[in-house]
C-alpha cells in the first residue's frame, strides 16, 4: 500500500478491523520521512518497525538500501506521532 492511498485502508481494511482501538503495525524503510509518517497515521497505523537488513555497507549496496546506523537512529528518534509505539 502506498502511504498516501488511505482510500484502500478506509474501504477495505478498516471495516474488517472494527473500532480503531486495534494496534496497526507496519514495517517501514528508515528512509521514509515525516510526510510518510503522517500519511500512515491517517491510515490508522500506530506502531512501526524499521526494515533494516544490515549495517554492512557491502550488503546495503547489494540490496540498494544504504543507510548508516546514525541515520537510522536519528530517524527512530523522529518517527511517527504521539500515538505511535516503537
PDB file of N, CA and C in Angstrom:
ATOM      1  N   UNK A   1       0.851  -1.190   0.000  1.00  0.00           N
ATOM      2  CA  UNK A   1       0.000   0.000   0.000  1.00  0.00           C
ATOM      3  C   UNK A   1       0.881   1.231   0.000  1.00  0.00           C
ATOM      4  N   UNK A   2       0.635   2.128  -0.909  1.00  0.00           N
ATOM      5  CA  UNK A   2       1.341   3.409  -0.892  1.00  0.00           C
ATOM      6  C   UNK A   2       0.852   4.204   0.306  1.00  0.00           C
ATOM      7  N   UNK A   3       1.786   4.832   1.058  1.00  0.00           N
ATOM      8  CA  UNK A   3       1.367   5.545   2.265  1.00  0.00           C
ATOM      9  C   UNK A   3       0.307   6.604   2.033  1.00  0.00           C
ATOM     10  N   UNK A   4       0.230   7.147   0.817  1.00  0.00           N
ATOM     11  CA  UNK A   4      -0.726   8.210   0.570  1.00  0.00           C
ATOM     12  C   UNK A   4      -2.101   7.693   0.153  1.00  0.00           C
ATOM     13  N   UNK A   5      -2.249   6.391  -0.043  1.00  0.00           N
ATOM     14  CA  UNK A   5      -3.523   5.868  -0.520  1.00  0.00           C
ATOM     15  C   UNK A   5      -4.398   5.396   0.633  1.00  0.00           C
ATOM     16  N   UNK A   6      -4.918   6.346   1.395  1.00  0.00           N
ATOM     17  CA  UNK A   6      -5.732   5.998   2.553  1.00  0.00           C
ATOM     18  C   UNK A   6      -7.094   5.443   2.162  1.00  0.00           C
ATOM     19  N   UNK A   7      -7.517   5.635   0.905  1.00  0.00           N
ATOM     20  CA  UNK A   7      -8.820   5.099   0.490  1.00  0.00           C
ATOM     21  C   UNK A   7      -8.816   3.570   0.520  1.00  0.00           C
ATOM     22  N   UNK A   8      -7.700   2.952   0.187  1.00  0.00           N
ATOM     23  CA  UNK A   8      -7.618   1.487   0.261  1.00  0.00           C
ATOM     24  C   UNK A   8      -7.846   1.058   1.700  1.00  0.00           C
ATOM     25  N   UNK A   9      -7.174   1.748   2.616  1.00  0.00           N
ATOM     26  CA  UNK A   9      -7.325   1.414   4.035  1.00  0.00           C
ATOM     27  C   UNK A   9      -8.759   1.583   4.491  1.00  0.00           C
ATOM     28  N   UNK A  10      -9.340   2.739   4.245  1.00  0.00           N
ATOM     29  CA  UNK A  10     -10.667   3.022   4.782  1.00  0.00           C
ATOM     30  C   UNK A  10     -11.749   2.153   4.146  1.00  0.00           C
ATOM     31  N   UNK A  11     -11.573   1.746   2.899  1.00  0.00           N
ATOM     32  CA  UNK A  11     -12.592   0.946   2.220  1.00  0.00           C
ATOM     33  C   UNK A  11     -12.438  -0.562   2.420  1.00  0.00           C
ATOM     34  N   UNK A  12     -11.218  -1.034   2.593  1.00  0.00           N
ATOM     35  CA  UNK A  12     -11.010  -2.471   2.683  1.00  0.00           C
ATOM     36  C   UNK A  12     -10.627  -2.963   4.079  1.00  0.00           C
ATOM     37  N   UNK A  13      -9.680  -2.304   4.702  1.00  0.00           N
ATOM     38  CA  UNK A  13      -9.140  -2.807   5.965  1.00  0.00           C
ATOM     39  C   UNK A  13      -9.938  -2.368   7.181  1.00  0.00           C
ATOM     40  N   UNK A  14     -10.287  -1.116   7.261  1.00  0.00           N
ATOM     41  CA  UNK A  14     -10.964  -0.590   8.451  1.00  0.00           C
ATOM     42  C   UNK A  14     -12.250  -1.353   8.780  1.00  0.00           C
ATOM     43  N   UNK A  15     -13.114  -1.681   7.797  1.00  0.00           N
ATOM     44  CA  UNK A  15     -14.331  -2.423   8.143  1.00  0.00           C
ATOM     45  C   UNK A  15     -14.048  -3.800   8.753  1.00  0.00           C
ATOM     46  N   UNK A  16     -12.934  -4.410   8.379  1.00  0.00           N
ATOM     47  CA  UNK A  16     -12.588  -5.722   8.919  1.00  0.00           C
ATOM     48  C   UNK A  16     -12.057  -5.637  10.345  1.00  0.00           C
ATOM     49  N   UNK A  17     -11.394  -4.527  10.661  1.00  0.00           N
ATOM     50  CA  UNK A  17     -10.765  -4.394  11.975  1.00  0.00           C
ATOM     51  C   UNK A  17     -11.681  -3.811  13.025  1.00  0.00           C
ATOM     52  N   UNK A  18     -12.736  -3.159  12.607  1.00  0.00           N
ATOM     53  CA  UNK A  18     -13.665  -2.587  13.569  1.00  0.00           C
ATOM     54  C   UNK A  18     -13.146  -1.318  14.211  1.00  0.00           C
ATOM     55  N   UNK A  19     -13.437  -1.128  15.501  1.00  0.00           N
ATOM     56  CA  UNK A  19     -13.043   0.105  16.179  1.00  0.00           C
ATOM     57  C   UNK A  19     -11.536   0.344  16.101  1.00  0.00           C
ATOM     58  N   UNK A  20     -11.173   1.589  16.176  1.00  0.00           N
ATOM     59  CA  UNK A  20      -9.776   1.975  15.998  1.00  0.00           C
ATOM     60  C   UNK A  20      -8.952   1.808  17.271  1.00  0.00           C
ATOM     61  N   UNK A  21      -9.331   0.909  18.157  1.00  0.00           N
ATOM     62  CA  UNK A  21      -8.515   0.664  19.332  1.00  0.00           C
ATOM     63  C   UNK A  21      -7.522  -0.471  19.079  1.00  0.00           C
ATOM     64  N   UNK A  22      -7.471  -0.949  17.841  1.00  0.00           N
ATOM     65  CA  UNK A  22      -6.542  -2.005  17.462  1.00  0.00           C
ATOM     66  C   UNK A  22      -5.137  -1.444  17.297  1.00  0.00           C
ATOM     67  N   UNK A  23      -4.145  -2.295  17.468  1.00  0.00           N
ATOM     68  CA  UNK A  23      -2.784  -1.911  17.148  1.00  0.00           C
ATOM     69  C   UNK A  23      -2.553  -2.242  15.685  1.00  0.00           C
ATOM     70  N   UNK A  24      -2.216  -1.230  14.913  1.00  0.00           N
ATOM     71  CA  UNK A  24      -1.960  -1.397  13.485  1.00  0.00           C
ATOM     72  C   UNK A  24      -0.470  -1.164  13.269  1.00  0.00           C
ATOM     73  N   UNK A  25       0.246  -2.211  12.869  1.00  0.00           N
ATOM     74  CA  UNK A  25       1.698  -2.140  12.745  1.00  0.00           C
ATOM     75  C   UNK A  25       2.140  -2.322  11.298  1.00  0.00           C
ATOM     76  N   UNK A  26       3.241  -1.661  10.964  1.00  0.00           N
ATOM     77  CA  UNK A  26       3.855  -1.800   9.651  1.00  0.00           C
ATOM     78  C   UNK A  26       5.365  -1.871   9.821  1.00  0.00           C
ATOM     79  N   UNK A  27       6.020  -2.451   8.841  1.00  0.00           N
ATOM     80  CA  UNK A  27       7.473  -2.366   8.769  1.00  0.00           C
ATOM     81  C   UNK A  27       7.786  -1.309   7.734  1.00  0.00           C
ATOM     82  N   UNK A  28       8.614  -0.335   8.104  1.00  0.00           N
ATOM     83  CA  UNK A  28       8.907   0.776   7.204  1.00  0.00           C
ATOM     84  C   UNK A  28      10.390   0.865   6.885  1.00  0.00           C
ATOM     85  N   UNK A  29      10.667   1.476   5.771  1.00  0.00           N
ATOM     86  CA  UNK A  29      12.024   1.796   5.361  1.00  0.00           C
ATOM     87  C   UNK A  29      12.461   3.023   6.165  1.00  0.00           C
ATOM     88  N   UNK A  30      13.616   2.977   6.815  1.00  0.00           N
ATOM     89  CA  UNK A  30      14.054   4.141   7.574  1.00  0.00           C
ATOM     90  C   UNK A  30      14.199   5.404   6.737  1.00  0.00           C
ATOM     91  N   UNK A  31      14.212   5.274   5.411  1.00  0.00           N
ATOM     92  CA  UNK A  31      14.340   6.449   4.543  1.00  0.00           C
ATOM     93  C   UNK A  31      13.034   7.240   4.426  1.00  0.00           C
ATOM     94  N   UNK A  32      11.919   6.684   4.885  1.00  0.00           N
ATOM     95  CA  UNK A  32      10.665   7.431   4.840  1.00  0.00           C
ATOM     96  C   UNK A  32      10.773   8.676   5.702  1.00  0.00           C
ATOM     97  N   UNK A  33       9.977   9.694   5.379  1.00  0.00           N
ATOM     98  CA  UNK A  33      10.081  10.954   6.118  1.00  0.00           C
ATOM     99  C   UNK A  33       8.797  11.274   6.879  1.00  0.00           C
ATOM    100  N   UNK A  34       8.744  12.460   7.466  1.00  0.00           N
ATOM    101  CA  UNK A  34       7.604  12.859   8.297  1.00  0.00           C
ATOM    102  C   UNK A  34       6.298  12.878   7.505  1.00  0.00           C
ATOM    103  N   UNK A  35       6.338  13.229   6.229  1.00  0.00           N
ATOM    104  CA  UNK A  35       5.113  13.222   5.410  1.00  0.00           C
ATOM    105  C   UNK A  35       4.576  11.800   5.278  1.00  0.00           C
ATOM    106  N   UNK A  36       5.471  10.836   5.127  1.00  0.00           N
ATOM    107  CA  UNK A  36       5.053   9.435   5.052  1.00  0.00           C
ATOM    108  C   UNK A  36       4.459   8.990   6.386  1.00  0.00           C
ATOM    109  N   UNK A  37       5.082   9.414   7.492  1.00  0.00           N
ATOM    110  CA  UNK A  37       4.550   9.098   8.825  1.00  0.00           C
ATOM    111  C   UNK A  37       3.132   9.612   8.966  1.00  0.00           C
ATOM    112  N   UNK A  38       2.922  10.833   8.523  1.00  0.00           N
ATOM    113  CA  UNK A  38       1.601  11.456   8.631  1.00  0.00           C
ATOM    114  C   UNK A  38       0.572  10.676   7.823  1.00  0.00           C
ATOM    115  N   UNK A  39       0.935  10.285   6.615  1.00  0.00           N
ATOM    116  CA  UNK A  39       0.012   9.522   5.768  1.00  0.00           C
ATOM    117  C   UNK A  39      -0.314   8.175   6.407  1.00  0.00           C
ATOM    118  N   UNK A  40       0.695   7.511   6.972  1.00  0.00           N
ATOM    119  CA  UNK A  40       0.453   6.225   7.630  1.00  0.00           C
ATOM    120  C   UNK A  40      -0.432   6.403   8.857  1.00  0.00           C
ATOM    121  N   UNK A  41      -0.195   7.462   9.627  1.00  0.00           N
ATOM    122  CA  UNK A  41      -1.018   7.723  10.819  1.00  0.00           C
ATOM    123  C   UNK A  41      -2.476   7.955  10.429  1.00  0.00           C
ATOM    124  N   UNK A  42      -2.715   8.621   9.300  1.00  0.00           N
ATOM    125  CA  UNK A  42      -4.091   8.845   8.829  1.00  0.00           C
ATOM    126  C   UNK A  42      -4.766   7.534   8.475  1.00  0.00           C
ATOM    127  N   UNK A  43      -3.961   6.534   8.138  1.00  0.00           N
ATOM    128  CA  UNK A  43      -4.497   5.208   7.817  1.00  0.00           C
ATOM    129  C   UNK A  43      -4.702   4.362   9.062  1.00  0.00           C
ATOM    130  N   UNK A  44      -4.390   4.911  10.226  1.00  0.00           N
ATOM    131  CA  UNK A  44      -4.600   4.179  11.467  1.00  0.00           C
ATOM    132  C   UNK A  44      -3.369   3.501  12.033  1.00  0.00           C
ATOM    133  N   UNK A  45      -2.234   3.626  11.363  1.00  0.00           N
ATOM    134  CA  UNK A  45      -1.010   2.987  11.851  1.00  0.00           C
ATOM    135  C   UNK A  45      -0.591   3.637  13.162  1.00  0.00           C
ATOM    136  N   UNK A  46      -0.311   2.819  14.170  1.00  0.00           N
ATOM    137  CA  UNK A  46       0.125   3.350  15.460  1.00  0.00           C
ATOM    138  C   UNK A  46       1.341   2.610  16.014  1.00  0.00           C
ATOM    139  N   UNK A  47       1.956   1.771  15.171  1.00  0.00           N
ATOM    140  CA  UNK A  47       3.186   1.076  15.572  1.00  0.00           C
ATOM    141  C   UNK A  47       3.994   0.800  14.314  1.00  0.00           C
ATOM    142  N   UNK A  48       5.314   0.995  14.403  1.00  0.00           N
ATOM    143  CA  UNK A  48       6.174   0.759  13.245  1.00  0.00           C
ATOM    144  C   UNK A  48       7.472   0.106  13.682  1.00  0.00           C
ATOM    145  N   UNK A  49       7.993  -0.735  12.803  1.00  0.00           N
ATOM    146  CA  UNK A  49       9.333  -1.271  12.998  1.00  0.00           C
ATOM    147  C   UNK A  49      10.121  -0.960  11.732  1.00  0.00           C
ATOM    148  N   UNK A  50      11.420  -0.821  11.891  1.00  0.00           N
ATOM    149  CA  UNK A  50      12.276  -0.497  10.747  1.00  0.00           C
ATOM    150  C   UNK A  50      12.744  -1.760  10.057  1.00  0.00           C
ATOM    151  N   UNK A  51      12.720  -1.728   8.743  1.00  0.00           N
ATOM    152  CA  UNK A  51      13.210  -2.842   7.948  1.00  0.00           C
ATOM    153  C   UNK A  51      14.682  -2.658   7.635  1.00  0.00           C
ATOM    154  N   UNK A  52      15.545  -2.921   8.614  1.00  0.00           N
ATOM    155  CA  UNK A  52      16.991  -2.810   8.420  1.00  0.00           C
ATOM    156  C   UNK A  52      17.546  -4.219   8.291  1.00  0.00           C
ATOM    157  N   UNK A  53      18.081  -4.541   7.108  1.00  0.00           N
ATOM    158  CA  UNK A  53      18.598  -5.877   6.896  1.00  0.00           C
ATOM    159  C   UNK A  53      20.029  -6.016   7.406  1.00  0.00           C
ATOM    160  N   UNK A  54      20.808  -4.934   7.315  1.00  0.00           N
ATOM    161  CA  UNK A  54      22.207  -5.000   7.710  1.00  0.00           C
ATOM    162  C   UNK A  54      22.779  -3.586   7.777  1.00  0.00           C
ATOM    163  N   UNK A  55      23.819  -3.419   8.588  1.00  0.00           N
ATOM    164  CA  UNK A  55      24.581  -2.173   8.562  1.00  0.00           C
ATOM    165  C   UNK A  55      25.911  -2.368   7.842  1.00  0.00           C
ATOM    166  N   UNK A  56      26.105  -3.528   7.236  1.00  0.00           N
ATOM    167  CA  UNK A  56      27.297  -3.805   6.433  1.00  0.00           C
ATOM    168  C   UNK A  56      27.118  -3.114   5.084  1.00  0.00           C
ATOM    169  N   UNK A  57      28.018  -2.188   4.760  1.00  0.00           N
ATOM    170  CA  UNK A  57      27.883  -1.385   3.547  1.00  0.00           C
ATOM    171  C   UNK A  57      27.847  -2.239   2.282  1.00  0.00           C
ATOM    172  N   UNK A  58      28.600  -3.331   2.242  1.00  0.00           N
ATOM    173  CA  UNK A  58      28.601  -4.218   1.073  1.00  0.00           C
ATOM    174  C   UNK A  58      27.202  -4.803   0.865  1.00  0.00           C
ATOM    175  N   UNK A  59      26.593  -5.277   1.948  1.00  0.00           N
ATOM    176  CA  UNK A  59      25.238  -5.832   1.873  1.00  0.00           C
ATOM    177  C   UNK A  59      24.251  -4.738   1.478  1.00  0.00           C
ATOM    178  N   UNK A  60      24.349  -3.581   2.098  1.00  0.00           N
ATOM    179  CA  UNK A  60      23.430  -2.480   1.790  1.00  0.00           C
ATOM    180  C   UNK A  60      23.485  -2.097   0.316  1.00  0.00           C
ATOM    181  N   UNK A  61      24.683  -2.013  -0.230  1.00  0.00           N
ATOM    182  CA  UNK A  61      24.804  -1.684  -1.664  1.00  0.00           C
ATOM    183  C   UNK A  61      24.190  -2.776  -2.534  1.00  0.00           C
ATOM    184  N   UNK A  62      24.383  -4.021  -2.148  1.00  0.00           N
ATOM    185  CA  UNK A  62      23.851  -5.138  -2.932  1.00  0.00           C
ATOM    186  C   UNK A  62      22.330  -5.143  -2.971  1.00  0.00           C
ATOM    187  N   UNK A  63      21.689  -4.682  -1.887  1.00  0.00           N
ATOM    188  CA  UNK A  63      20.219  -4.678  -1.836  1.00  0.00           C
ATOM    189  C   UNK A  63      19.633  -3.283  -2.074  1.00  0.00           C
ATOM    190  N   UNK A  64      20.520  -2.325  -2.414  1.00  0.00           N
ATOM    191  CA  UNK A  64      20.103  -0.954  -2.720  1.00  0.00           C
ATOM    192  C   UNK A  64      19.352  -0.299  -1.559  1.00  0.00           C
ATOM    193  N   UNK A  65      19.846  -0.507  -0.340  1.00  0.00           N
ATOM    194  CA  UNK A  65      19.255   0.104   0.865  1.00  0.00           C
ATOM    195  C   UNK A  65      20.362   0.646   1.756  1.00  0.00           C
ATOM    196  N   UNK A  66      21.086   1.655   1.262  1.00  0.00           N
ATOM    197  CA  UNK A  66      22.214   2.213   2.003  1.00  0.00           C
ATOM    198  C   UNK A  66      21.703   3.213   3.033  1.00  0.00           C
ATOM    199  N   UNK A  67      22.025   2.955   4.287  1.00  0.00           N
ATOM    200  CA  UNK A  67      21.700   3.866   5.385  1.00  0.00           C
ATOM    201  C   UNK A  67      22.655   3.574   6.528  1.00  0.00           C
ATOM    202  N   UNK A  68      23.188   4.608   7.123  1.00  0.00           N
ATOM    203  CA  UNK A  68      24.114   4.405   8.226  1.00  0.00           C
ATOM    204  C   UNK A  68      23.348   4.109   9.518  1.00  0.00           C
ATOM    205  N   UNK A  69      24.069   3.583  10.495  1.00  0.00           N
ATOM    206  CA  UNK A  69      23.465   3.372  11.800  1.00  0.00           C
ATOM    207  C   UNK A  69      22.969   4.698  12.363  1.00  0.00           C
ATOM    208  N   UNK A  70      23.784   5.755  12.202  1.00  0.00           N
ATOM    209  CA  UNK A  70      23.435   7.072  12.729  1.00  0.00           C
ATOM    210  C   UNK A  70      22.156   7.618  12.088  1.00  0.00           C
ATOM    211  N   UNK A  71      22.020   7.450  10.768  1.00  0.00           N
ATOM    212  CA  UNK A  71      20.789   7.903  10.084  1.00  0.00           C
ATOM    213  C   UNK A  71      19.572   7.137  10.594  1.00  0.00           C
ATOM    214  N   UNK A  72      19.734   5.848  10.773  1.00  0.00           N
ATOM    215  CA  UNK A  72      18.629   5.024  11.255  1.00  0.00           C
ATOM    216  C   UNK A  72      18.252   5.406  12.680  1.00  0.00           C
ATOM    217  N   UNK A  73      19.242   5.623  13.531  1.00  0.00           N
ATOM    218  CA  UNK A  73      18.974   6.022  14.919  1.00  0.00           C
ATOM    219  C   UNK A  73      18.286   7.383  14.959  1.00  0.00           C
ATOM    220  N   UNK A  74      18.740   8.322  14.139  1.00  0.00           N
ATOM    221  CA  UNK A  74      18.122   9.659  14.090  1.00  0.00           C
ATOM    222  C   UNK A  74      16.678   9.546  13.603  1.00  0.00           C
ATOM    223  N   UNK A  75      16.449   8.710  12.610  1.00  0.00           N
ATOM    224  CA  UNK A  75      15.094   8.502  12.077  1.00  0.00           C
ATOM    225  C   UNK A  75      14.189   7.920  13.159  1.00  0.00           C
ATOM    226  N   UNK A  76      14.733   7.009  13.954  1.00  0.00           N
ATOM    227  CA  UNK A  76      13.960   6.406  15.042  1.00  0.00           C
ATOM    228  C   UNK A  76      13.493   7.469  16.034  1.00  0.00           C
ATOM    229  N   UNK A  77      14.359   8.402  16.338  1.00  0.00           N
ATOM    230  CA  UNK A  77      14.005   9.453  17.291  1.00  0.00           C
ATOM    231  C   UNK A  77      12.925  10.385  16.757  1.00  0.00           C
ATOM    232  N   UNK A  78      12.852  10.503  15.431  1.00  0.00           N
ATOM    233  CA  UNK A  78      11.884  11.424  14.808  1.00  0.00           C
ATOM    234  C   UNK A  78      10.690  10.706  14.182  1.00  0.00           C
ATOM    235  N   UNK A  79      10.521   9.433  14.470  1.00  0.00           N
ATOM    236  CA  UNK A  79       9.498   8.623  13.800  1.00  0.00           C
ATOM    237  C   UNK A  79       8.124   8.797  14.399  1.00  0.00           C
ATOM    238  N   UNK A  80       7.139   8.838  13.509  1.00  0.00           N
ATOM    239  CA  UNK A  80       5.747   8.744  13.930  1.00  0.00           C
ATOM    240  C   UNK A  80       5.189   9.983  14.589  1.00  0.00           C
ATOM    241  N   UNK A  81       4.129   9.777  15.316  1.00  0.00           N
ATOM    242  CA  UNK A  81       3.439  10.844  16.003  1.00  0.00           C
ATOM    243  C   UNK A  81       3.155  10.427  17.428  1.00  0.00           C
ATOM    244  N   UNK A  82       2.327  11.182  18.129  1.00  0.00           N
ATOM    245  CA  UNK A  82       2.087  10.900  19.533  1.00  0.00           C
ATOM    246  C   UNK A  82       1.444   9.543  19.792  1.00  0.00           C
ATOM    247  N   UNK A  83       0.690   9.005  18.834  1.00  0.00           N
ATOM    248  CA  UNK A  83       0.004   7.719  19.059  1.00  0.00           C
ATOM    249  C   UNK A  83       0.865   6.527  18.647  1.00  0.00           C
ATOM    250  N   UNK A  84       2.069   6.763  18.111  1.00  0.00           N
ATOM    251  CA  UNK A  84       2.909   5.680  17.629  1.00  0.00           C
ATOM    252  C   UNK A  84       3.691   5.031  18.748  1.00  0.00           C
ATOM    253  N   UNK A  85       3.882   3.735  18.624  1.00  0.00           N
ATOM    254  CA  UNK A  85       4.728   2.981  19.537  1.00  0.00           C
ATOM    255  C   UNK A  85       5.933   2.501  18.729  1.00  0.00           C
ATOM    256  N   UNK A  86       7.023   2.296  19.391  1.00  0.00           N
ATOM    257  CA  UNK A  86       8.221   1.813  18.682  1.00  0.00           C
ATOM    258  C   UNK A  86       8.609   0.447  19.206  1.00  0.00           C
TER     259      UNK A  86
END
